[in-house]
Protein backbone atom coordinates (compact mmCIF):
# COMPACT_ATOMS: atom_id res chain seq x y z
CA MET A 1 -44.71 2.06 18.26
CA ASP A 2 -44.17 3.74 14.87
CA ALA A 3 -42.42 2.16 11.87
CA ALA A 4 -39.04 3.78 12.60
CA ALA A 5 -39.11 2.57 16.20
CA ARG A 6 -40.03 -0.96 15.08
CA ARG A 7 -37.14 -0.96 12.59
CA LEU A 8 -34.69 0.19 15.25
CA ASP A 9 -35.96 -2.30 17.82
CA GLY A 10 -35.79 -5.20 15.36
CA PHE A 11 -32.32 -4.21 14.19
CA LYS A 12 -31.00 -4.09 17.76
CA THR A 13 -32.46 -7.53 18.42
CA LEU A 14 -30.82 -8.91 15.26
CA LEU A 15 -27.44 -7.33 16.09
CA GLY A 16 -27.51 -8.81 19.59
CA HIS A 17 -28.48 -12.22 18.22
CA ALA A 18 -25.74 -12.18 15.56
CA ARG A 19 -23.16 -10.91 18.03
CA ASP A 20 -23.90 -13.76 20.41
CA ARG A 21 -23.74 -16.37 17.64
CA LEU A 22 -20.42 -15.00 16.37
CA ALA A 23 -19.01 -14.81 19.90
CA ILE A 24 -17.31 -11.46 19.29
CA ASP A 25 -16.58 -8.68 21.77
CA ILE A 26 -17.26 -5.78 19.42
CA GLY A 27 -20.31 -3.68 20.20
CA PHE A 28 -22.48 -1.28 18.21
CA ARG A 29 -23.51 2.34 18.63
CA LEU A 30 -26.68 3.26 16.77
CA TRP A 31 -28.10 6.48 15.37
CA ASP A 32 -30.47 7.11 18.28
CA GLY A 33 -27.66 6.86 20.86
CA SER A 34 -28.52 3.31 21.93
CA ARG A 35 -25.92 0.55 22.17
CA VAL A 36 -25.73 -3.18 21.56
CA PRO A 37 -25.31 -4.69 24.06
CA ALA A 38 -27.17 -2.18 26.18
CA GLY A 39 -24.43 -1.94 28.80
CA LEU A 40 -21.58 -1.40 26.31
CA PRO A 41 -18.86 0.64 28.12
CA ASP A 42 -17.84 4.04 26.75
CA ASP A 43 -14.30 2.83 26.04
CA ALA A 44 -15.29 -0.41 24.27
CA ILE A 45 -14.46 -1.02 20.60
CA ALA A 46 -17.63 -0.50 18.64
CA VAL A 47 -19.00 -0.06 15.14
CA ALA A 48 -20.91 3.23 14.95
CA ILE A 49 -23.81 3.47 12.49
CA ALA A 50 -24.86 7.08 11.92
CA ASP A 51 -28.28 6.63 10.32
CA GLU A 52 -30.77 3.97 9.32
CA GLY A 53 -30.16 4.75 5.64
CA ALA A 54 -26.75 3.12 5.98
CA VAL A 55 -28.43 -0.12 7.07
CA ALA A 56 -30.96 0.13 4.24
CA ALA A 57 -28.16 0.66 1.70
CA LEU A 58 -26.23 -2.40 2.87
CA ILE A 59 -29.35 -4.58 2.84
CA ARG A 60 -30.25 -3.57 -0.72
CA SER A 61 -26.68 -3.61 -2.01
CA PRO A 62 -24.45 -5.73 0.26
CA LYS A 63 -21.22 -4.96 -1.62
CA LEU A 64 -17.80 -3.62 -0.74
CA ASP A 65 -18.51 -0.51 -2.84
CA THR A 66 -21.46 0.28 -0.57
CA LEU A 67 -19.38 -0.21 2.55
CA ALA A 68 -16.54 1.92 1.13
CA ASN A 69 -18.92 4.82 0.48
CA LEU A 70 -20.43 4.58 3.94
CA TRP A 71 -16.97 4.45 5.50
CA ALA A 72 -15.67 7.38 3.47
CA ALA A 73 -18.72 9.45 4.44
CA GLY A 74 -18.30 8.60 8.12
CA ARG A 75 -21.73 6.98 8.23
CA ILE A 76 -20.09 3.77 9.45
CA ALA A 77 -17.06 4.16 11.69
CA LEU A 78 -14.97 2.45 14.33
CA VAL A 79 -14.94 3.89 17.85
CA ASN A 80 -12.07 3.28 20.29
CA GLY A 81 -10.06 1.21 17.85
CA THR A 82 -8.64 0.70 14.38
CA MET A 83 -9.03 -1.91 11.67
CA PHE A 84 -6.19 -3.84 13.27
CA ASP A 85 -8.26 -4.13 16.44
CA LEU A 86 -11.28 -5.16 14.37
CA VAL A 87 -9.34 -7.96 12.67
CA LYS A 88 -8.14 -9.28 16.01
CA GLN A 89 -11.79 -9.66 17.04
CA ARG A 90 -12.37 -12.35 14.47
CA PRO A 91 -15.42 -14.57 15.10
CA ARG A 92 -14.81 -17.62 17.23
CA VAL A 93 -17.11 -19.73 15.05
CA ARG A 94 -16.89 -20.64 11.38
CA THR A 95 -19.15 -18.79 8.94
CA LYS A 96 -21.09 -21.88 7.92
CA ASP A 97 -21.75 -22.73 11.56
CA PHE A 98 -22.85 -19.16 12.23
CA LEU A 99 -25.30 -19.24 9.33
CA LYS A 100 -26.78 -22.51 10.54
CA THR A 101 -27.63 -21.02 13.94
CA LEU A 102 -28.78 -17.59 12.71
CA ASP A 103 -32.49 -16.96 13.22
CA LYS A 104 -33.67 -16.81 9.59
CA ARG A 105 -37.13 -15.43 10.40
CA LEU A 106 -35.71 -12.62 12.53
CA THR A 107 -33.15 -11.81 9.82
CA LEU A 108 -35.67 -11.67 6.97
CA THR A 109 -38.27 -9.75 8.96
CA THR A 110 -35.73 -7.14 10.04
CA ALA A 111 -34.30 -6.77 6.54
CA ALA A 112 -37.78 -6.37 5.02
CA ARG A 113 -38.50 -3.38 7.26
CA PHE A 114 -35.54 -1.49 5.72
CA LEU A 115 -36.28 -2.23 2.06
CA THR A 116 -38.27 0.96 1.51
CA VAL A 117 -36.08 3.21 3.66
CA SER A 118 -34.09 5.83 1.75
CA ARG A 119 -30.38 5.11 1.59
CA GLY A 120 -29.70 8.73 2.52
CA GLY A 121 -26.35 10.32 1.84
CA PRO A 122 -23.77 11.49 1.11
CA TRP A 123 -22.17 9.02 -1.33
CA PRO A 124 -18.76 10.61 -1.89
CA LEU A 125 -17.20 7.91 -4.05
CA GLU A 126 -19.92 7.32 -6.62
CA ALA A 127 -18.42 9.68 -9.19
CA GLN A 128 -15.27 7.55 -9.45
CA PRO A 129 -15.24 5.61 -12.77
CA ASP A 130 -15.26 1.82 -12.70
CA GLU A 131 -11.78 0.38 -12.41
CA ARG A 132 -10.05 -0.98 -15.51
CA PRO A 133 -6.48 -1.84 -16.51
CA SER A 134 -4.33 0.98 -17.85
CA SER A 135 -4.07 1.37 -21.61
CA GLY A 136 -0.45 2.44 -21.18
CA ALA A 137 -1.00 5.77 -22.92
CA PRO A 138 1.18 8.50 -21.35
CA SER A 139 -1.87 10.75 -20.87
CA GLU A 140 -3.77 8.03 -19.00
CA ASN A 141 -0.68 7.18 -16.97
CA LYS A 142 -0.40 10.81 -15.92
CA SER A 143 -4.09 10.99 -14.96
CA ASN A 144 -3.84 7.82 -12.86
CA ILE A 145 -0.68 8.99 -11.11
CA ALA A 146 -2.12 12.44 -10.42
CA TYR A 147 -5.20 10.89 -8.79
CA HIS A 148 -3.08 9.25 -6.11
CA TYR A 149 0.12 11.23 -5.79
CA ASP A 150 -1.01 14.80 -6.43
CA VAL A 151 -3.30 14.75 -3.40
CA SER A 152 -1.03 17.12 -1.45
CA ASN A 153 2.65 17.08 -0.55
CA ALA A 154 1.74 18.41 2.89
CA PHE A 155 -0.65 15.49 3.39
CA TYR A 156 2.01 12.90 2.59
CA ALA A 157 4.52 14.71 4.79
CA LEU A 158 2.23 14.05 7.77
CA TRP A 159 2.89 10.32 7.71
CA LEU A 160 5.84 9.46 5.47
CA ASP A 161 9.43 9.65 6.71
CA ARG A 162 11.47 12.86 6.60
CA GLU A 163 12.77 12.04 3.09
CA MET A 164 9.27 11.30 1.72
CA VAL A 165 9.89 7.69 0.67
CA TYR A 166 6.62 6.01 -0.33
CA THR A 167 7.72 2.41 -0.87
CA CYS A 168 8.52 -0.58 1.33
CA GLY A 169 11.10 0.11 4.03
CA TYR A 170 13.92 -2.26 4.98
CA CYS A 171 13.93 -3.43 8.61
CA THR A 172 17.32 -4.43 9.95
CA ASP A 173 15.40 -4.54 13.24
CA TRP A 174 11.61 -4.86 13.50
CA ASP A 175 11.49 -2.07 16.08
CA ASN A 176 13.15 0.56 13.88
CA ASP A 177 11.16 3.72 13.21
CA VAL A 178 9.98 4.91 9.82
CA ASP A 179 12.97 7.21 9.20
CA THR A 180 15.43 4.40 9.92
CA ILE A 181 13.77 1.74 7.78
CA GLN A 182 13.54 4.09 4.81
CA ARG A 183 17.15 5.25 5.10
CA ASP A 184 18.21 1.62 5.33
CA LYS A 185 16.07 0.79 2.28
CA LEU A 186 17.80 3.48 0.21
CA GLU A 187 21.16 2.13 1.35
CA HIS A 188 20.12 -1.45 0.54
CA ILE A 189 19.08 -0.46 -2.98
CA CYS A 190 22.35 1.38 -3.61
CA ARG A 191 24.32 -1.65 -2.46
CA LYS A 192 22.34 -4.03 -4.65
CA LEU A 193 23.00 -1.80 -7.66
CA ARG A 194 26.70 -1.66 -6.66
CA LEU A 195 26.63 2.08 -7.27
CA LYS A 196 29.98 3.83 -7.58
CA PRO A 197 31.15 7.37 -8.33
CA GLY A 198 30.43 8.37 -11.91
CA ASP A 199 27.60 5.89 -12.47
CA ARG A 200 24.62 7.22 -14.42
CA LEU A 201 21.47 6.18 -12.53
CA LEU A 202 17.95 6.26 -13.95
CA ASP A 203 15.36 6.39 -11.16
CA VAL A 204 12.09 5.31 -12.79
CA GLY A 205 9.04 6.50 -10.87
CA CYS A 206 11.31 8.54 -8.61
CA GLY A 207 8.60 9.87 -6.30
CA TRP A 208 9.82 12.84 -4.28
CA GLY A 209 13.43 12.20 -5.30
CA ALA A 210 14.72 10.44 -2.20
CA LEU A 211 16.70 7.69 -3.95
CA SER A 212 18.20 10.00 -6.58
CA CYS A 213 19.41 12.44 -3.93
CA TYR A 214 20.67 9.72 -1.58
CA ALA A 215 22.62 7.98 -4.35
CA ALA A 216 24.20 11.25 -5.48
CA GLN A 217 25.13 12.28 -1.93
CA HIS A 218 26.46 8.94 -0.67
CA TYR A 219 27.63 7.15 -3.82
CA GLY A 220 28.68 9.97 -6.14
CA VAL A 221 26.37 9.05 -9.02
CA THR A 222 24.65 11.28 -11.53
CA ALA A 223 20.92 10.58 -11.16
CA HIS A 224 17.96 11.22 -13.44
CA GLY A 225 14.56 10.75 -11.79
CA VAL A 226 11.30 10.69 -13.72
CA THR A 227 7.73 10.79 -12.41
CA LEU A 228 4.32 11.84 -13.71
CA SER A 229 3.31 13.59 -10.49
CA GLU A 230 3.59 17.37 -10.77
CA GLN A 231 3.64 17.80 -7.01
CA GLN A 232 6.40 15.24 -6.61
CA VAL A 233 8.48 17.02 -9.26
CA ALA A 234 8.04 20.38 -7.50
CA TRP A 235 9.08 18.87 -4.15
CA GLY A 236 11.97 16.91 -5.66
CA GLN A 237 13.39 19.84 -7.60
CA GLU A 238 13.26 22.06 -4.52
CA LYS A 239 15.07 19.35 -2.55
CA VAL A 240 17.78 19.10 -5.20
CA ARG A 241 18.34 22.86 -4.98
CA ARG A 242 18.32 22.82 -1.18
CA LEU A 243 20.98 20.09 -1.09
CA GLY A 244 23.09 21.75 -3.78
CA LEU A 245 22.85 18.75 -6.09
CA GLU A 246 21.85 20.57 -9.29
CA ASP A 247 24.93 19.29 -11.15
CA ARG A 248 24.28 15.65 -10.20
CA VAL A 249 20.49 15.15 -9.87
CA ARG A 250 17.73 15.95 -12.33
CA ILE A 251 14.06 15.36 -11.43
CA GLU A 252 11.81 15.50 -14.48
CA LEU A 253 8.09 15.26 -15.28
CA ARG A 254 8.19 12.52 -17.90
CA ASP A 255 6.56 9.22 -18.79
CA TYR A 256 9.07 6.41 -18.24
CA SER A 257 8.54 5.05 -21.76
CA THR A 258 9.84 8.25 -23.38
CA VAL A 259 13.21 8.31 -21.59
CA THR A 260 16.26 8.36 -23.87
CA GLY A 261 20.00 8.15 -23.32
CA GLU A 262 22.26 5.55 -21.70
CA TYR A 263 22.47 4.56 -18.05
CA ASP A 264 24.78 2.29 -16.09
CA LYS A 265 22.12 1.45 -13.48
CA VAL A 266 18.31 1.58 -13.44
CA ALA A 267 16.10 1.49 -10.33
CA ALA A 268 12.35 0.99 -10.70
CA ILE A 269 11.03 1.13 -7.14
CA GLY A 270 7.27 0.63 -6.98
CA ILE A 271 6.30 1.72 -10.50
CA GLN A 272 5.26 -1.57 -12.12
CA GLU A 273 2.06 -1.64 -10.05
CA HIS A 274 0.83 1.35 -12.09
CA ILE A 275 1.82 0.11 -15.55
CA GLY A 276 -0.70 -2.65 -16.26
CA ILE A 277 0.08 -6.23 -17.23
CA ASP A 278 -0.61 -5.69 -20.93
CA ASN A 279 1.99 -2.91 -20.97
CA TYR A 280 4.83 -4.88 -19.40
CA PRO A 281 6.67 -5.37 -22.74
CA THR A 282 6.97 -1.59 -23.10
CA TYR A 283 8.32 -1.35 -19.56
CA TYR A 284 10.98 -4.03 -19.91
CA ASP A 285 11.92 -2.95 -23.44
CA THR A 286 12.40 0.63 -22.23
CA VAL A 287 14.76 -0.40 -19.45
CA HIS A 288 16.66 -2.71 -21.81
CA ARG A 289 16.95 0.08 -24.39
CA VAL A 290 18.52 2.65 -22.03
CA LEU A 291 20.71 0.27 -20.00
CA VAL A 292 24.32 -0.24 -21.11
CA PRO A 293 25.52 -3.85 -21.71
CA GLY A 294 26.08 -5.47 -18.33
CA GLY A 295 24.31 -2.62 -16.56
CA LEU A 296 22.27 -3.47 -13.46
CA PHE A 297 18.51 -3.14 -13.10
CA LEU A 298 16.74 -3.31 -9.72
CA HIS A 299 13.04 -4.06 -10.09
CA HIS A 300 11.00 -3.58 -6.88
CA ALA A 301 7.26 -4.36 -6.99
CA ILE A 302 4.26 -5.66 -5.07
CA THR A 303 3.05 -9.06 -6.27
CA ARG A 304 0.17 -11.49 -5.90
CA PRO A 305 0.51 -15.27 -5.68
CA ALA A 306 0.33 -17.02 -9.05
CA LYS A 307 -2.81 -18.93 -10.01
CA ARG A 308 -3.31 -22.08 -12.05
CA ASP A 309 -3.42 -20.08 -15.30
CA ASP A 310 -3.16 -16.49 -16.56
CA LYS A 311 -6.90 -16.07 -17.08
CA THR A 312 -7.60 -16.93 -13.46
CA PHE A 313 -4.77 -14.68 -12.29
CA ARG A 314 -6.17 -11.68 -14.17
CA LYS A 315 -9.49 -11.92 -12.32
CA LYS A 316 -9.33 -9.45 -9.43
CA ARG A 317 -10.70 -10.30 -6.02
CA ALA A 318 -13.39 -7.87 -4.91
CA GLU A 319 -11.20 -6.21 -2.30
CA PHE A 320 -8.34 -5.68 -4.76
CA ALA A 321 -10.74 -4.23 -7.35
CA LEU A 322 -11.93 -1.84 -4.64
CA LEU A 323 -8.34 -0.75 -4.00
CA THR A 324 -7.60 -0.07 -7.65
CA LYS A 325 -10.88 1.78 -8.18
CA TYR A 326 -10.66 4.18 -5.26
CA ILE A 327 -6.93 4.34 -4.47
CA PHE A 328 -4.79 3.24 -7.45
CA PRO A 329 -6.76 3.55 -10.71
CA GLY A 330 -5.30 1.43 -13.49
CA GLY A 331 -3.24 -0.64 -11.09
CA GLU A 332 -2.40 -4.32 -11.54
CA LEU A 333 0.01 -6.66 -9.76
CA ASP A 334 2.30 -9.29 -11.27
CA HIS A 335 3.37 -12.61 -9.79
CA ILE A 336 7.08 -13.17 -9.22
CA GLY A 337 7.23 -16.05 -11.68
CA ASN A 338 6.08 -13.81 -14.51
CA THR A 339 8.48 -11.07 -13.40
CA VAL A 340 11.46 -13.40 -13.79
CA THR A 341 10.08 -14.75 -17.06
CA MET A 342 9.55 -11.27 -18.52
CA LEU A 343 13.06 -10.21 -17.52
CA GLU A 344 14.59 -13.18 -19.29
CA ARG A 345 12.38 -12.75 -22.36
CA HIS A 346 13.45 -9.12 -22.65
CA GLY A 347 17.18 -9.71 -22.55
CA PHE A 348 18.07 -9.67 -18.86
CA GLU A 349 20.02 -12.08 -16.66
CA VAL A 350 18.42 -12.47 -13.21
CA HIS A 351 20.89 -12.52 -10.31
CA ASP A 352 18.90 -12.12 -7.12
CA VAL A 353 15.29 -12.26 -5.92
CA GLU A 354 14.45 -11.12 -2.38
CA GLN A 355 11.05 -11.26 -0.69
CA LEU A 356 10.34 -8.30 1.62
CA ARG A 357 6.67 -8.97 2.41
CA GLU A 358 6.98 -8.65 6.19
CA HIS A 359 8.99 -5.46 5.79
CA TYR A 360 6.05 -3.93 3.91
CA GLN A 361 3.62 -5.13 6.57
CA ARG A 362 5.65 -3.16 9.09
CA THR A 363 6.01 -0.12 6.81
CA CYS A 364 2.28 0.16 6.15
CA LYS A 365 1.51 -0.20 9.85
CA LEU A 366 3.89 2.65 10.68
CA TRP A 367 2.34 4.83 7.96
CA HIS A 368 -1.17 4.01 9.20
CA ASP A 369 -0.35 4.86 12.81
CA ARG A 370 1.28 8.16 11.84
CA LEU A 371 -1.72 9.15 9.71
CA VAL A 372 -4.14 8.25 12.52
CA GLU A 373 -2.02 10.31 14.92
CA ASN A 374 -2.21 13.26 12.52
CA GLU A 375 -5.80 12.68 11.41
CA ALA A 376 -7.04 16.17 12.30
CA ALA A 377 -4.24 17.82 10.34
CA ALA A 378 -4.87 15.47 7.41
CA ILE A 379 -8.57 16.32 7.34
CA ALA A 380 -7.69 20.02 7.35
CA GLU A 381 -5.36 19.44 4.39
CA VAL A 382 -7.31 17.04 2.11
CA GLY A 383 -10.72 16.55 3.73
CA ALA A 384 -12.34 13.80 5.77
CA VAL A 385 -13.21 11.54 2.83
CA LYS A 386 -9.66 11.28 1.48
CA THR A 387 -8.23 10.89 4.99
CA ARG A 388 -10.63 8.09 5.93
CA MET A 389 -9.97 6.26 2.65
CA TRP A 390 -6.19 6.46 3.09
CA ILE A 391 -6.39 5.22 6.68
CA ALA A 392 -8.43 2.23 5.54
CA TYR A 393 -6.14 1.55 2.58
CA LEU A 394 -2.96 1.57 4.68
CA ALA A 395 -4.50 -0.75 7.27
CA ALA A 396 -5.81 -3.11 4.59
CA CYS A 397 -2.40 -3.27 2.92
CA SER A 398 -0.61 -4.09 6.17
CA ILE A 399 -3.15 -6.81 6.92
CA ALA A 400 -2.80 -8.23 3.39
CA PHE A 401 0.99 -8.40 3.67
CA GLU A 402 0.74 -10.14 7.04
CA ARG A 403 -1.75 -12.68 5.70
CA ASN A 404 0.52 -13.36 2.71
CA THR A 405 -2.13 -12.54 0.12
CA VAL A 406 0.34 -10.08 -1.42
CA GLY A 407 4.13 -9.94 -1.46
CA LEU A 408 6.96 -7.55 -2.24
CA TYR A 409 9.99 -8.63 -4.25
CA GLN A 410 13.21 -6.93 -5.21
CA THR A 411 14.72 -8.53 -8.29
CA LEU A 412 18.23 -7.68 -9.44
CA ALA A 413 19.05 -8.28 -13.08
CA SER A 414 21.65 -7.20 -15.62
CA LYS A 415 21.47 -6.57 -19.33
CA ARG A 416 22.54 -9.97 -20.62
CA ARG A 417 25.96 -10.30 -22.23
CA ARG A 418 28.61 -12.94 -22.76
CA GLY A 419 31.24 -13.44 -20.07
CA PRO A 420 31.41 -12.58 -16.37
CA SER A 421 28.64 -10.50 -14.82
CA GLY A 422 31.08 -8.47 -12.74
CA LEU A 423 29.12 -9.07 -9.52
CA PRO A 424 30.80 -10.15 -6.26
CA PRO A 425 30.88 -13.90 -5.58
CA THR A 426 28.59 -13.62 -2.50
CA ARG A 427 25.95 -11.32 -1.02
CA ALA A 428 28.15 -10.41 1.94
CA ASP A 429 28.62 -6.83 0.72
CA LEU A 430 24.87 -6.25 0.91
CA TYR A 431 24.50 -7.11 4.57
CA ARG A 432 27.15 -5.12 6.35
CA ASP A 433 25.80 -3.06 9.25
CA MET A 434 23.82 -0.12 8.00
CA PRO A 435 25.26 3.39 8.57
CA ALA A 436 24.42 4.84 11.96
CA GLY A 437 21.21 6.85 11.98
CA PRO A 438 18.70 8.37 14.37
CA ALA A 439 17.47 6.13 17.15
CA PRO A 440 13.83 5.02 16.97
CA THR A 441 11.60 7.66 18.53
CA ALA A 442 8.81 5.32 19.58
CA PRO A 443 9.85 1.65 19.63
CA GLU A 444 7.02 -0.84 19.48
CA ALA A 445 6.50 -4.51 18.84
CA PRO A 446 5.90 -5.54 15.23
CA PRO A 447 2.17 -5.51 14.48
CA SER A 448 0.15 -8.67 14.47
CA THR A 449 -3.25 -8.29 12.89
CA GLY A 450 -4.38 -11.77 13.83
CA GLU A 451 -4.30 -13.88 16.95
CA SER A 452 -0.84 -15.11 16.02
CA GLY A 453 1.40 -13.11 13.71
CA PRO A 454 4.26 -14.28 11.52
CA ALA A 455 7.54 -15.32 13.05
CA ARG A 456 10.06 -12.52 13.46
CA PRO A 457 13.12 -13.17 11.29
CA THR A 458 16.52 -12.53 12.82
CA PRO A 459 18.16 -9.45 11.26
CA VAL A 460 21.36 -10.22 9.36
CA ARG A 461 24.38 -8.61 11.01
CA SER A 462 28.10 -8.72 10.38
CA SER A 463 31.22 -7.35 12.00
CA VAL A 464 32.30 -5.54 8.80
CA ARG A 465 31.97 -1.78 9.21
CA PRO A 466 30.22 0.40 6.61
CA ARG A 467 32.12 2.64 4.23
């Protein structure tokens, strides 16, 4: 038996041993066509390893960066399942108990045989710079935004809703489809801002212009949307022309911090994640500067749970650092306590804070499933590497929201002034039935990425009819 055959034979023995100790049902398909266990059915969920260099790379550098490169290159893949299926197959024993029963001699002997094996290739992500917080400079902001959002409008159209909304949807029913939850989200935002005809709305980080156009069409506002994505601006401006909204909606390529003028309402839906914690004062000062006294500000952002102190909070977990390096360069998340504190420190009165974590779990799952369904078209548009990375990122986000390691809050505030706020005495106006829309095209149960998912909240309904 030659060296390569001995490596393969030892690796199969180790995989079988580890699989038995972990008590998992997932199998393995190896580079020579063999399977672990040997009788693994063709339709079984399995991890496919394309070459022995992938094993050698993981042994020498057992890091998430290594795994991300191997995944992006297709050298490690899932067969007959998704990451959601993989998570459900969690080991039935604890890690420390598994390590106690693992054959140490077999493990070390097998690993030693791969130490001199070439790691092979390709390594498609190695050119990406190490992740770091954003400096806040407009040029760096534009570069970071372009990396993620200027991938391809056609690519995003494959899996977003028909209005191209790329933020957390709002589920009045957990079975609603992606078009419905995004329409209802736009409506929910407009209600929270108490938009009315003649209002001047600033849409910070406007994306493809969905909120600006919706608010102009349904609430009679004049909207100004700003984004640093050239492709989003092109799409948004074409949409404005197509809808005949040129006199009421302006979509502009501009850094948020350079906006001037006065606005009655400001919406910042999913932009703070790109700004960087050190640059928050500029963000809040900018909104305060352009908002009229008593004007309303809706801040919508992903968060992480607070830690015992700021220094600990600023340390990124390995998986989050991976996300910001390869998906959202320059990105950082706040915790809701600091969000409220920063709003008050910068001259705002906070009126309402709403957690929408489970809504984002559902949104990301819908996006993931649509991208998987359109995987071939996505690969044709942006390539296999980008497609595989986005599939993994959307799955990981949905899983993180379900596990409550990240959250999503909408915080409504006003520019502080003396006297009444002018807001209604209750929230009843926010929770009327949403306007009728298209029926779900493919109803399904809400995703559960573990053995037992979160409880399903009861949607709030009322007998009051919409406008």
